[in-house]
Protein backbone atom coordinates (compact mmCIF):
# COMPACT_ATOMS: atom_id res chain seq x y z
CA UNK A 1 30.52 -47.52 10.32
CA UNK A 2 29.92 -44.16 9.10
CA UNK A 3 26.46 -42.08 10.19
CA UNK A 4 24.09 -42.24 7.78
CA UNK A 5 23.28 -38.28 6.70
CA UNK A 6 21.31 -35.96 8.70
CA UNK A 7 18.04 -34.86 6.71
CA UNK A 8 17.06 -31.90 8.63
CA UNK A 9 17.45 -29.42 7.64
CA UNK A 10 19.85 -27.34 9.77
CA UNK A 11 21.55 -24.35 11.42
CA UNK A 12 24.89 -22.79 12.52
CA UNK A 13 24.41 -20.85 15.88
CA UNK A 14 26.97 -18.71 17.94
CA UNK A 15 27.37 -20.23 21.29
CA UNK A 16 29.94 -18.60 23.94
CA UNK A 17 30.90 -20.09 27.31
CA UNK A 18 33.35 -20.36 29.32
CA UNK A 19 36.73 -22.27 29.02
CA UNK A 20 35.45 -24.70 32.13
CA UNK A 21 33.13 -25.18 30.31
CA UNK A 22 34.12 -25.93 26.73
CA UNK A 23 36.87 -27.91 28.98
CA UNK A 24 33.35 -29.77 30.54
CA UNK A 25 31.77 -30.91 27.39
CA UNK A 26 35.26 -32.06 26.13
CA UNK A 27 36.27 -33.88 29.12
CA UNK A 28 31.94 -35.42 27.95
CA UNK A 29 33.04 -36.07 24.51
CA UNK A 30 36.24 -38.36 25.90
CA UNK A 31 32.90 -40.96 26.15
CA UNK A 32 31.40 -40.72 22.61
CA UNK A 33 28.26 -41.50 24.48
CA UNK A 34 27.12 -37.53 23.96
CA UNK A 35 29.32 -36.73 21.29
CA UNK A 36 32.40 -37.22 18.82
CA UNK A 37 33.55 -33.40 19.82
CA UNK A 38 32.55 -30.48 21.82
CA UNK A 39 30.31 -28.76 19.58
CA UNK A 40 27.93 -32.53 19.12
CA UNK A 41 28.23 -32.83 23.52
CA UNK A 42 26.34 -29.79 23.63
CA UNK A 43 24.13 -30.14 20.74
CA UNK A 44 23.11 -33.57 22.42
CA UNK A 45 22.44 -31.83 25.90
CA UNK A 46 20.81 -29.58 24.82
CA UNK A 47 18.18 -31.14 22.94
CA UNK A 48 17.59 -33.44 25.84
CA UNK A 49 17.55 -30.29 28.51
CA UNK A 50 14.30 -29.27 25.45
CA UNK A 51 12.20 -31.94 26.47
CA UNK A 52 12.76 -32.00 29.73
CA UNK A 53 11.66 -28.83 29.93
CA UNK A 54 8.90 -29.67 27.15
CA UNK A 55 7.71 -32.93 29.17
CA UNK A 56 7.27 -30.77 32.64
CA UNK A 57 5.32 -28.37 30.63
CA UNK A 58 7.75 -25.20 30.59
CA UNK A 59 8.65 -25.04 26.72
CA UNK A 60 6.13 -25.28 23.85
CA UNK A 61 6.88 -29.09 21.85
CA UNK A 62 7.00 -29.01 18.18
CA UNK A 63 3.15 -28.56 17.19
CA UNK A 64 3.16 -28.48 13.54
CA UNK A 65 5.76 -29.44 10.26
CA UNK A 66 7.80 -26.45 9.51
CA UNK A 67 7.93 -25.73 5.45
CA UNK A 68 4.34 -28.14 5.49
CA UNK A 69 2.49 -24.85 4.77
CA UNK A 70 4.80 -23.57 1.35
CA UNK A 71 3.28 -26.81 -0.59
């Protein structure tokens, strides 16, 4: 079954890492648990860590809806 289209605006970033980290991300993606490839897996792990930091009060939580002030 195909994934539904993402309705949230996205932006592309470039991330450089070591071959070892890329290899680990690719290995993790084989399970399909975090994503279907290294980039999806990195995205999932990054979001997971940001949520963890927010819960511990070490990162800001979203307090507004982006673009809402432009209406």
